Amino acid sequence: MDKHRTPVVIVTAHRSAVYFGYLDTPWPGSGPITLLRARNAFLWPCSMRGAHGLAVSGPGAGCRIGPAVDSETFADPVRVMTCTAEAAARWEEGTWS
């Protein structure tokens, strides 16, 4: 996986689930998408300003981010947002506080 060429994204799924990873599927498109090194956000404070804040700034104090799995496939993603380099670096830290 080339982190410099692979789109880094936040995916929201049903029931407000939020995931971070490296897109392994052409997007935009239809059908399932797969994320490499996928992590999920279990908890984030209001100060993060929702999924958009997680995509722009990344997780911080008060966030609970799960460990990375090799890949995860989403049959029907709700939203796919690009992630800033700053946010990606913070997601990679896997904050759990």
C-alpha atoms as a PDB file:
ATOM      1  CA  MET A   1       0.000   0.000   0.000  1.00  0.00           C
ATOM      2  CA  ASP A   2       1.386   3.365  -1.001  1.00  0.00           C
ATOM      3  CA  LYS A   3       0.041   5.844   1.568  1.00  0.00           C
ATOM      4  CA  HIS A   4       0.945   8.736  -0.718  1.00  0.00           C
ATOM      5  CA  ARG A   5      -1.250   7.526  -3.590  1.00  0.00           C
ATOM      6  CA  THR A   6      -4.062   5.767  -1.770  1.00  0.00           C
ATOM      7  CA  PRO A   7      -6.973   8.050  -0.818  1.00  0.00           C
ATOM      8  CA  VAL A   8      -7.259   8.437   2.947  1.00  0.00           C
ATOM      9  CA  VAL A   9     -10.888   8.645   3.989  1.00  0.00           C
ATOM     10  CA  ILE A  10     -13.459   8.677   6.739  1.00  0.00           C
ATOM     11  CA  VAL A  11     -16.466   6.467   6.061  1.00  0.00           C
ATOM     12  CA  THR A  12     -19.729   6.736   7.898  1.00  0.00           C
ATOM     13  CA  ALA A  13     -21.957   3.702   8.039  1.00  0.00           C
ATOM     14  CA  HIS A  14     -25.451   3.114   9.322  1.00  0.00           C
ATOM     15  CA  ARG A  15     -26.144   3.883  12.990  1.00  0.00           C
ATOM     16  CA  SER A  16     -23.599   6.733  12.937  1.00  0.00           C
ATOM     17  CA  ALA A  17     -20.549   4.445  12.877  1.00  0.00           C
ATOM     18  CA  VAL A  18     -17.353   6.271  11.825  1.00  0.00           C
ATOM     19  CA  TYR A  19     -14.314   4.564  10.272  1.00  0.00           C
ATOM     20  CA  PHE A  20     -10.898   5.690   9.037  1.00  0.00           C
ATOM     21  CA  GLY A  21      -8.731   3.957   6.451  1.00  0.00           C
ATOM     22  CA  TYR A  22      -7.037   3.853   3.076  1.00  0.00           C
ATOM     23  CA  LEU A  23      -9.504   3.408   0.237  1.00  0.00           C
ATOM     24  CA  ASP A  24      -8.879   0.237  -1.761  1.00  0.00           C
ATOM     25  CA  THR A  25     -11.875   0.672  -4.062  1.00  0.00           C
ATOM     26  CA  PRO A  26     -12.414   3.176  -6.897  1.00  0.00           C
ATOM     27  CA  TRP A  27     -14.523   6.058  -5.639  1.00  0.00           C
ATOM     28  CA  PRO A  28     -16.925   7.536  -6.370  1.00  0.00           C
ATOM     29  CA  GLY A  29     -18.622   4.385  -7.415  1.00  0.00           C
ATOM     30  CA  SER A  30     -21.468   2.156  -6.532  1.00  0.00           C
ATOM     31  CA  GLY A  31     -21.484  -0.939  -4.428  1.00  0.00           C
ATOM     32  CA  PRO A  32     -19.208  -2.038  -1.610  1.00  0.00           C
ATOM     33  CA  ILE A  33     -15.977  -0.288  -0.688  1.00  0.00           C
ATOM     34  CA  THR A  34     -12.959  -1.676   1.140  1.00  0.00           C
ATOM     35  CA  LEU A  35     -10.692   0.186   3.544  1.00  0.00           C
ATOM     36  CA  LEU A  36      -7.166  -0.959   4.341  1.00  0.00           C
ATOM     37  CA  ARG A  37      -5.834  -0.447   7.901  1.00  0.00           C
ATOM     38  CA  ALA A  38      -9.389   0.348   8.961  1.00  0.00           C
ATOM     39  CA  ARG A  39      -9.997   1.817  12.418  1.00  0.00           C
ATOM     40  CA  ASN A  40     -13.287   2.742  14.029  1.00  0.00           C
ATOM     41  CA  ALA A  41     -14.189   5.558  16.376  1.00  0.00           C
ATOM     42  CA  PHE A  42     -16.011   4.246  19.440  1.00  0.00           C
ATOM     43  CA  LEU A  43     -16.361   7.619  21.117  1.00  0.00           C
ATOM     44  CA  TRP A  44     -15.520  11.233  20.439  1.00  0.00           C
ATOM     45  CA  PRO A  45     -16.407  14.398  22.374  1.00  0.00           C
ATOM     46  CA  CYS A  46     -18.609  17.181  21.021  1.00  0.00           C
ATOM     47  CA  SER A  47     -15.471  19.311  20.694  1.00  0.00           C
ATOM     48  CA  MET A  48     -14.477  17.123  17.692  1.00  0.00           C
ATOM     49  CA  ARG A  49     -17.486  18.580  15.840  1.00  0.00           C
ATOM     50  CA  GLY A  50     -18.663  15.268  14.429  1.00  0.00           C
ATOM     51  CA  ALA A  51     -17.335  13.160  11.577  1.00  0.00           C
ATOM     52  CA  HIS A  52     -16.196  16.221   9.630  1.00  0.00           C
ATOM     53  CA  GLY A  53     -14.012  17.265  12.554  1.00  0.00           C
ATOM     54  CA  LEU A  54     -12.520  13.769  12.666  1.00  0.00           C
ATOM     55  CA  ALA A  55     -11.741  14.065   8.931  1.00  0.00           C
ATOM     56  CA  VAL A  56     -10.153  17.517   9.242  1.00  0.00           C
ATOM     57  CA  SER A  57      -8.373  17.426  12.623  1.00  0.00           C
ATOM     58  CA  GLY A  58      -8.325  13.757  13.554  1.00  0.00           C
ATOM     59  CA  PRO A  59      -9.076  12.276  16.955  1.00  0.00           C
ATOM     60  CA  GLY A  60      -7.714  13.840  20.117  1.00  0.00           C
ATOM     61  CA  ALA A  61      -8.295  13.948  23.860  1.00  0.00           C
ATOM     62  CA  GLY A  62     -11.426  12.140  24.906  1.00  0.00           C
ATOM     63  CA  CYS A  63     -11.574   9.962  21.787  1.00  0.00           C
ATOM     64  CA  ARG A  64     -11.605   6.201  21.734  1.00  0.00           C
ATOM     65  CA  ILE A  65     -10.205   4.797  18.508  1.00  0.00           C
ATOM     66  CA  GLY A  66      -9.983   1.058  17.946  1.00  0.00           C
ATOM     67  CA  PRO A  67      -6.960  -0.833  16.627  1.00  0.00           C
ATOM     68  CA  ALA A  68      -6.367  -1.192  12.899  1.00  0.00           C
ATOM     69  CA  VAL A  69      -7.535  -4.286  11.053  1.00  0.00           C
ATOM     70  CA  ASP A  70      -5.944  -5.309   7.738  1.00  0.00           C
ATOM     71  CA  SER A  71      -9.102  -4.531   5.772  1.00  0.00           C
ATOM     72  CA  GLU A  72     -12.815  -3.966   6.196  1.00  0.00           C
ATOM     73  CA  THR A  73     -15.531  -3.929   3.542  1.00  0.00           C
ATOM     74  CA  PHE A  74     -18.641  -1.780   3.722  1.00  0.00           C
ATOM     75  CA  ALA A  75     -21.603  -3.034   1.709  1.00  0.00           C
ATOM     76  CA  ASP A  76     -23.447   0.278   1.753  1.00  0.00           C
ATOM     77  CA  PRO A  77     -21.448   3.272   3.017  1.00  0.00           C
ATOM     78  CA  VAL A  78     -23.484   6.348   3.931  1.00  0.00           C
ATOM     79  CA  ARG A  79     -20.718   8.942   3.337  1.00  0.00           C
ATOM     80  CA  VAL A  80     -17.101   8.916   2.201  1.00  0.00           C
ATOM     81  CA  MET A  81     -15.032  11.992   3.130  1.00  0.00           C
ATOM     82  CA  THR A  82     -11.415  12.743   2.327  1.00  0.00           C
ATOM     83  CA  CYS A  83      -9.133  13.003   5.317  1.00  0.00           C
ATOM     84  CA  THR A  84      -6.374  15.584   5.817  1.00  0.00           C
ATOM     85  CA  ALA A  85      -2.770  14.470   6.341  1.00  0.00           C
ATOM     86  CA  GLU A  86      -2.896  15.922   9.875  1.00  0.00           C
ATOM     87  CA  ALA A  87      -6.016  13.915  10.695  1.00  0.00           C
ATOM     88  CA  ALA A  88      -4.566  10.716   9.194  1.00  0.00           C
ATOM     89  CA  ALA A  89      -1.478  10.990  11.386  1.00  0.00           C
ATOM     90  CA  ARG A  90      -3.639  11.345  14.484  1.00  0.00           C
ATOM     91  CA  TRP A  91      -5.851   8.403  13.467  1.00  0.00           C
ATOM     92  CA  GLU A  92      -2.731   6.271  13.060  1.00  0.00           C
ATOM     93  CA  GLU A  93      -1.843   6.956  16.697  1.00  0.00           C
ATOM     94  CA  GLY A  94      -4.951   4.985  17.719  1.00  0.00           C
ATOM     95  CA  THR A  95      -5.894   7.246  20.639  1.00  0.00           C
ATOM     96  CA  TRP A  96      -7.878   5.550  23.416  1.00  0.00           C
ATOM     97  CA  SER A  97      -8.425   7.855  26.396  1.00  0.00           C
END
